[in-house]
């Protein structure tokens, strides 16, 4: 999956540099971080709702699985746009994830702050 995320990031970076008329990505960059964050938040909520709907159907609905896949794609896309806007590369996030995968026994205890 990291290949597609890297490709998407590179495409988003290109659209940030060459703002083609009619490009939704260019529109988001033109509107700025607040708009990007608003869309990211909306997609978070829509992904959660799609997940709840699929769970309620006990995972037995092609349409609801497709809806969750679509909303998850929207969420990832808008996350990539946000990262690009802030200059954070996917390999930075990947590095953190790789380090976290090495850890075991790091269950956070309820009620404790770090």
N, C-alpha and C. Protein backbone atom coordinates (compact mmCIF):
# COMPACT_ATOMS: atom_id res chain seq x y z
N UNK A 1 0.82 -1.20 0.00
CA UNK A 1 0.00 0.00 0.00
C UNK A 1 0.87 1.26 0.00
N UNK A 2 2.09 1.16 0.50
CA UNK A 2 2.91 2.37 0.56
C UNK A 2 3.22 2.92 -0.83
N UNK A 3 3.29 2.06 -1.85
CA UNK A 3 3.55 2.55 -3.21
C UNK A 3 2.44 3.48 -3.68
N UNK A 4 1.20 3.08 -3.47
CA UNK A 4 0.09 3.91 -3.92
C UNK A 4 0.03 5.21 -3.12
N UNK A 5 0.36 5.15 -1.84
CA UNK A 5 0.36 6.37 -1.04
C UNK A 5 1.46 7.33 -1.50
N UNK A 6 2.62 6.77 -1.83
CA UNK A 6 3.71 7.61 -2.34
C UNK A 6 3.33 8.21 -3.69
N UNK A 7 2.73 7.41 -4.56
CA UNK A 7 2.28 7.92 -5.86
C UNK A 7 1.24 9.01 -5.70
N UNK A 8 0.30 8.79 -4.78
CA UNK A 8 -0.73 9.80 -4.53
C UNK A 8 -0.11 11.08 -4.00
N UNK A 9 0.82 10.95 -3.06
CA UNK A 9 1.49 12.13 -2.51
C UNK A 9 2.20 12.90 -3.62
N UNK A 10 2.90 12.19 -4.50
CA UNK A 10 3.62 12.85 -5.59
C UNK A 10 2.65 13.56 -6.53
N UNK A 11 1.52 12.95 -6.81
CA UNK A 11 0.51 13.59 -7.66
C UNK A 11 -0.04 14.84 -6.98
N UNK A 12 -0.32 14.74 -5.69
CA UNK A 12 -0.82 15.89 -4.93
C UNK A 12 0.22 17.01 -4.94
N UNK A 13 1.49 16.66 -4.75
CA UNK A 13 2.56 17.66 -4.79
C UNK A 13 2.61 18.35 -6.16
N UNK A 14 2.43 17.56 -7.21
CA UNK A 14 2.42 18.13 -8.56
C UNK A 14 1.27 19.11 -8.73
N UNK A 15 0.09 18.72 -8.21
CA UNK A 15 -1.09 19.60 -8.33
C UNK A 15 -0.93 20.85 -7.47
N UNK A 16 -0.14 20.74 -6.40
CA UNK A 16 0.12 21.91 -5.56
C UNK A 16 1.00 22.90 -6.32
N UNK A 17 1.92 22.38 -7.10
CA UNK A 17 2.84 23.22 -7.86
C UNK A 17 2.19 23.75 -9.13
N UNK A 18 1.56 22.86 -9.89
CA UNK A 18 0.92 23.23 -11.15
C UNK A 18 -0.59 23.18 -10.92
N UNK A 19 -1.16 24.29 -10.60
CA UNK A 19 -2.57 24.34 -10.22
C UNK A 19 -3.47 24.38 -11.46
N UNK A 20 -3.79 23.20 -11.95
CA UNK A 20 -4.63 23.10 -13.13
C UNK A 20 -6.05 23.56 -12.81
N UNK A 21 -6.63 24.29 -13.75
CA UNK A 21 -8.00 24.73 -13.59
C UNK A 21 -8.92 23.52 -13.56
N UNK A 22 -9.85 23.50 -12.62
CA UNK A 22 -10.79 22.40 -12.49
C UNK A 22 -10.30 21.28 -11.61
N UNK A 23 -9.06 21.37 -11.12
CA UNK A 23 -8.51 20.33 -10.24
C UNK A 23 -9.01 20.54 -8.82
N UNK A 24 -9.63 19.51 -8.26
CA UNK A 24 -10.11 19.59 -6.87
C UNK A 24 -8.95 19.78 -5.91
N UNK A 25 -7.84 19.11 -6.19
CA UNK A 25 -6.66 19.23 -5.33
C UNK A 25 -6.15 20.66 -5.35
N UNK A 26 -6.06 21.25 -6.53
CA UNK A 26 -5.62 22.64 -6.64
C UNK A 26 -6.58 23.56 -5.88
N UNK A 27 -7.87 23.27 -6.00
CA UNK A 27 -8.89 24.06 -5.27
C UNK A 27 -8.62 24.02 -3.76
N UNK A 28 -8.34 22.83 -3.24
CA UNK A 28 -8.07 22.71 -1.80
C UNK A 28 -6.86 23.54 -1.40
N UNK A 29 -5.79 23.46 -2.20
CA UNK A 29 -4.60 24.25 -1.87
C UNK A 29 -4.88 25.75 -1.98
N UNK A 30 -5.68 26.14 -2.96
CA UNK A 30 -6.04 27.55 -3.11
C UNK A 30 -6.83 28.04 -1.89
N UNK A 31 -7.69 27.19 -1.36
CA UNK A 31 -8.51 27.56 -0.21
C UNK A 31 -7.71 27.58 1.09
N UNK A 32 -6.68 26.78 1.18
CA UNK A 32 -5.80 26.81 2.35
C UNK A 32 -6.06 25.72 3.38
N UNK A 33 -5.27 25.77 4.44
CA UNK A 33 -5.26 24.72 5.46
C UNK A 33 -6.62 24.56 6.14
N UNK A 34 -7.29 25.65 6.45
CA UNK A 34 -8.58 25.53 7.14
C UNK A 34 -9.57 24.70 6.33
N UNK A 35 -9.63 24.93 5.02
CA UNK A 35 -10.54 24.17 4.15
C UNK A 35 -10.11 22.70 4.10
N UNK A 36 -8.81 22.47 3.98
CA UNK A 36 -8.29 21.10 3.94
C UNK A 36 -8.66 20.37 5.23
N UNK A 37 -8.47 21.01 6.36
CA UNK A 37 -8.79 20.39 7.65
C UNK A 37 -10.28 20.15 7.80
N UNK A 38 -11.09 21.08 7.32
CA UNK A 38 -12.55 20.90 7.37
C UNK A 38 -12.95 19.66 6.58
N UNK A 39 -12.40 19.52 5.37
CA UNK A 39 -12.72 18.35 4.55
C UNK A 39 -12.20 17.07 5.20
N UNK A 40 -11.03 17.12 5.80
CA UNK A 40 -10.48 15.95 6.48
C UNK A 40 -11.40 15.53 7.63
N UNK A 41 -11.88 16.49 8.38
CA UNK A 41 -12.81 16.19 9.46
C UNK A 41 -14.11 15.58 8.97
N UNK A 42 -14.64 16.14 7.89
CA UNK A 42 -15.87 15.60 7.30
C UNK A 42 -15.67 14.15 6.87
N UNK A 43 -14.54 13.88 6.24
CA UNK A 43 -14.27 12.52 5.78
C UNK A 43 -14.07 11.55 6.94
N UNK A 44 -13.50 12.03 8.04
CA UNK A 44 -13.38 11.20 9.26
C UNK A 44 -14.76 10.76 9.73
N UNK A 45 -15.66 11.71 9.83
CA UNK A 45 -17.02 11.42 10.29
C UNK A 45 -17.72 10.46 9.33
N UNK A 46 -17.60 10.71 8.03
CA UNK A 46 -18.26 9.85 7.05
C UNK A 46 -17.68 8.43 7.08
N UNK A 47 -16.40 8.30 7.34
CA UNK A 47 -15.78 6.98 7.44
C UNK A 47 -16.29 6.25 8.68
N UNK A 48 -16.41 6.96 9.77
CA UNK A 48 -16.93 6.36 11.00
C UNK A 48 -18.36 5.88 10.79
N UNK A 49 -19.18 6.68 10.17
CA UNK A 49 -20.57 6.30 9.92
C UNK A 49 -20.62 5.08 9.01
N UNK A 50 -19.81 5.06 7.96
CA UNK A 50 -19.79 3.91 7.06
C UNK A 50 -19.35 2.64 7.80
N UNK A 51 -18.39 2.78 8.70
CA UNK A 51 -17.93 1.62 9.48
C UNK A 51 -19.04 1.12 10.41
N UNK A 52 -19.72 2.06 11.07
CA UNK A 52 -20.83 1.67 11.96
C UNK A 52 -21.94 0.98 11.18
N UNK A 53 -22.25 1.49 9.99
CA UNK A 53 -23.29 0.89 9.16
C UNK A 53 -22.91 -0.52 8.74
N UNK A 54 -21.66 -0.70 8.36
CA UNK A 54 -21.21 -2.04 7.97
C UNK A 54 -21.23 -2.99 9.16
N UNK A 55 -20.81 -2.52 10.31
CA UNK A 55 -20.84 -3.35 11.52
C UNK A 55 -22.27 -3.75 11.86
N UNK A 56 -23.19 -2.81 11.74
CA UNK A 56 -24.60 -3.10 12.03
C UNK A 56 -25.16 -4.16 11.09
N UNK A 57 -24.63 -4.20 9.88
CA UNK A 57 -25.06 -5.20 8.90
C UNK A 57 -24.24 -6.49 9.04
N UNK A 58 -23.42 -6.52 10.08
CA UNK A 58 -22.55 -7.67 10.37
C UNK A 58 -21.62 -7.99 9.20
N UNK A 59 -21.19 -6.93 8.49
CA UNK A 59 -20.24 -7.08 7.40
C UNK A 59 -20.78 -7.78 6.18
N UNK A 60 -22.10 -7.97 6.16
CA UNK A 60 -22.71 -8.78 5.10
C UNK A 60 -23.46 -7.91 4.08
N UNK A 61 -22.80 -6.88 3.60
CA UNK A 61 -23.43 -6.02 2.60
C UNK A 61 -22.37 -5.51 1.65
N UNK A 62 -22.48 -5.89 0.40
CA UNK A 62 -21.53 -5.43 -0.61
C UNK A 62 -21.57 -3.91 -0.72
N UNK A 63 -22.77 -3.33 -0.69
CA UNK A 63 -22.91 -1.89 -0.82
C UNK A 63 -22.26 -1.15 0.35
N UNK A 64 -22.43 -1.68 1.56
CA UNK A 64 -21.86 -1.02 2.73
C UNK A 64 -20.34 -1.20 2.78
N UNK A 65 -19.84 -2.33 2.31
CA UNK A 65 -18.38 -2.54 2.22
C UNK A 65 -17.80 -1.54 1.21
N UNK A 66 -18.50 -1.38 0.09
CA UNK A 66 -18.06 -0.43 -0.93
C UNK A 66 -18.10 1.00 -0.38
N UNK A 67 -19.13 1.32 0.37
CA UNK A 67 -19.24 2.66 0.97
C UNK A 67 -18.07 2.92 1.92
N UNK A 68 -17.72 1.92 2.72
CA UNK A 68 -16.59 2.09 3.65
C UNK A 68 -15.28 2.23 2.88
N UNK A 69 -15.11 1.46 1.82
CA UNK A 69 -13.89 1.58 1.00
C UNK A 69 -13.81 2.97 0.38
N UNK A 70 -14.93 3.47 -0.13
CA UNK A 70 -14.95 4.80 -0.74
C UNK A 70 -14.65 5.89 0.27
N UNK A 71 -15.28 5.82 1.43
CA UNK A 71 -15.05 6.84 2.45
C UNK A 71 -13.62 6.77 2.99
N UNK A 72 -13.09 5.57 3.13
CA UNK A 72 -11.71 5.41 3.58
C UNK A 72 -10.74 6.01 2.57
N UNK A 73 -11.03 5.82 1.29
CA UNK A 73 -10.20 6.42 0.24
C UNK A 73 -10.25 7.94 0.30
N UNK A 74 -11.44 8.49 0.50
CA UNK A 74 -11.58 9.94 0.64
C UNK A 74 -10.79 10.46 1.83
N UNK A 75 -10.86 9.73 2.93
CA UNK A 75 -10.14 10.12 4.15
C UNK A 75 -8.63 10.12 3.91
N UNK A 76 -8.13 9.06 3.31
CA UNK A 76 -6.69 8.96 3.05
C UNK A 76 -6.25 10.05 2.09
N UNK A 77 -7.03 10.30 1.05
CA UNK A 77 -6.71 11.36 0.09
C UNK A 77 -6.58 12.71 0.81
N UNK A 78 -7.57 13.06 1.63
CA UNK A 78 -7.53 14.35 2.31
C UNK A 78 -6.41 14.40 3.34
N UNK A 79 -6.07 13.28 3.95
CA UNK A 79 -4.93 13.22 4.86
C UNK A 79 -3.64 13.51 4.10
N UNK A 80 -3.50 12.93 2.91
CA UNK A 80 -2.32 13.17 2.07
C UNK A 80 -2.24 14.65 1.67
N UNK A 81 -3.37 15.24 1.33
CA UNK A 81 -3.39 16.67 0.98
C UNK A 81 -2.93 17.50 2.18
N UNK A 82 -3.41 17.17 3.37
CA UNK A 82 -3.00 17.90 4.57
C UNK A 82 -1.50 17.76 4.81
N UNK A 83 -1.00 16.52 4.69
CA UNK A 83 0.43 16.30 4.90
C UNK A 83 1.25 17.12 3.90
N UNK A 84 0.81 17.12 2.64
CA UNK A 84 1.51 17.89 1.62
C UNK A 84 1.49 19.39 1.94
N UNK A 85 0.35 19.88 2.35
CA UNK A 85 0.22 21.31 2.69
C UNK A 85 1.20 21.69 3.80
N UNK A 86 1.43 20.76 4.72
CA UNK A 86 2.30 21.05 5.86
C UNK A 86 3.73 20.57 5.66
N UNK A 87 4.02 20.00 4.48
CA UNK A 87 5.39 19.59 4.17
C UNK A 87 5.85 18.32 4.86
N UNK A 88 4.91 17.47 5.25
CA UNK A 88 5.26 16.20 5.90
C UNK A 88 5.16 15.10 4.84
N UNK A 89 6.27 14.41 4.61
CA UNK A 89 6.32 13.38 3.58
C UNK A 89 5.81 12.04 4.12
N UNK A 90 5.23 11.23 3.25
CA UNK A 90 4.73 9.91 3.68
C UNK A 90 5.80 9.03 4.30
N UNK A 91 7.06 9.16 3.86
CA UNK A 91 8.11 8.32 4.44
C UNK A 91 8.35 8.67 5.91
N UNK A 92 8.05 9.91 6.32
CA UNK A 92 8.15 10.27 7.73
C UNK A 92 7.11 9.52 8.55
N UNK A 93 5.90 9.47 8.03
CA UNK A 93 4.81 8.74 8.71
C UNK A 93 5.12 7.25 8.70
N UNK A 94 5.60 6.75 7.56
CA UNK A 94 5.94 5.33 7.45
C UNK A 94 7.01 4.95 8.47
N UNK A 95 7.99 5.83 8.68
CA UNK A 95 9.04 5.56 9.67
C UNK A 95 8.46 5.40 11.07
N UNK A 96 7.54 6.27 11.42
CA UNK A 96 6.90 6.17 12.74
C UNK A 96 6.12 4.86 12.86
N UNK A 97 5.39 4.52 11.81
CA UNK A 97 4.61 3.27 11.84
C UNK A 97 5.53 2.05 11.96
N UNK A 98 6.64 2.05 11.24
CA UNK A 98 7.58 0.93 11.32
C UNK A 98 8.13 0.78 12.73
N UNK A 99 8.46 1.90 13.37
CA UNK A 99 8.96 1.85 14.75
C UNK A 99 7.89 1.33 15.70
N UNK A 100 6.67 1.76 15.51
CA UNK A 100 5.59 1.32 16.39
C UNK A 100 5.30 -0.17 16.22
N UNK A 101 5.51 -0.69 15.01
CA UNK A 101 5.27 -2.12 14.78
C UNK A 101 6.26 -2.98 15.55
N UNK A 102 7.41 -2.44 15.90
CA UNK A 102 8.44 -3.18 16.64
C UNK A 102 8.10 -3.30 18.12
N UNK A 103 7.23 -2.43 18.59
CA UNK A 103 6.91 -2.39 20.01
C UNK A 103 5.89 -3.44 20.39
N UNK A 104 6.06 -4.00 21.56
CA UNK A 104 5.05 -4.88 22.15
C UNK A 104 4.88 -4.45 23.60
N UNK A 105 3.75 -4.80 24.15
CA UNK A 105 3.51 -4.48 25.56
C UNK A 105 3.36 -3.00 25.82
N UNK A 106 2.87 -2.25 24.84
CA UNK A 106 2.72 -0.81 25.04
C UNK A 106 1.27 -0.38 25.14
N UNK A 107 0.44 -1.28 25.68
CA UNK A 107 -0.95 -0.96 25.88
C UNK A 107 -1.08 0.20 26.84
N UNK A 108 -1.80 1.21 26.42
CA UNK A 108 -2.01 2.38 27.28
C UNK A 108 -3.02 2.01 28.36
N UNK A 109 -2.71 2.40 29.57
CA UNK A 109 -3.58 2.11 30.69
C UNK A 109 -4.67 3.17 30.79
N UNK A 110 -5.92 2.75 30.92
CA UNK A 110 -7.03 3.72 31.05
C UNK A 110 -6.80 4.62 32.25
N UNK A 111 -7.06 5.90 32.07
CA UNK A 111 -6.99 6.85 33.17
C UNK A 111 -5.59 7.39 33.43
N UNK A 112 -4.57 6.85 32.76
CA UNK A 112 -3.22 7.34 32.96
C UNK A 112 -2.83 8.26 31.82
N UNK A 113 -2.13 9.34 32.16
CA UNK A 113 -1.63 10.24 31.13
C UNK A 113 -0.12 10.10 31.07
N UNK A 114 0.41 10.41 29.89
CA UNK A 114 1.86 10.30 29.72
C UNK A 114 2.48 11.66 29.63
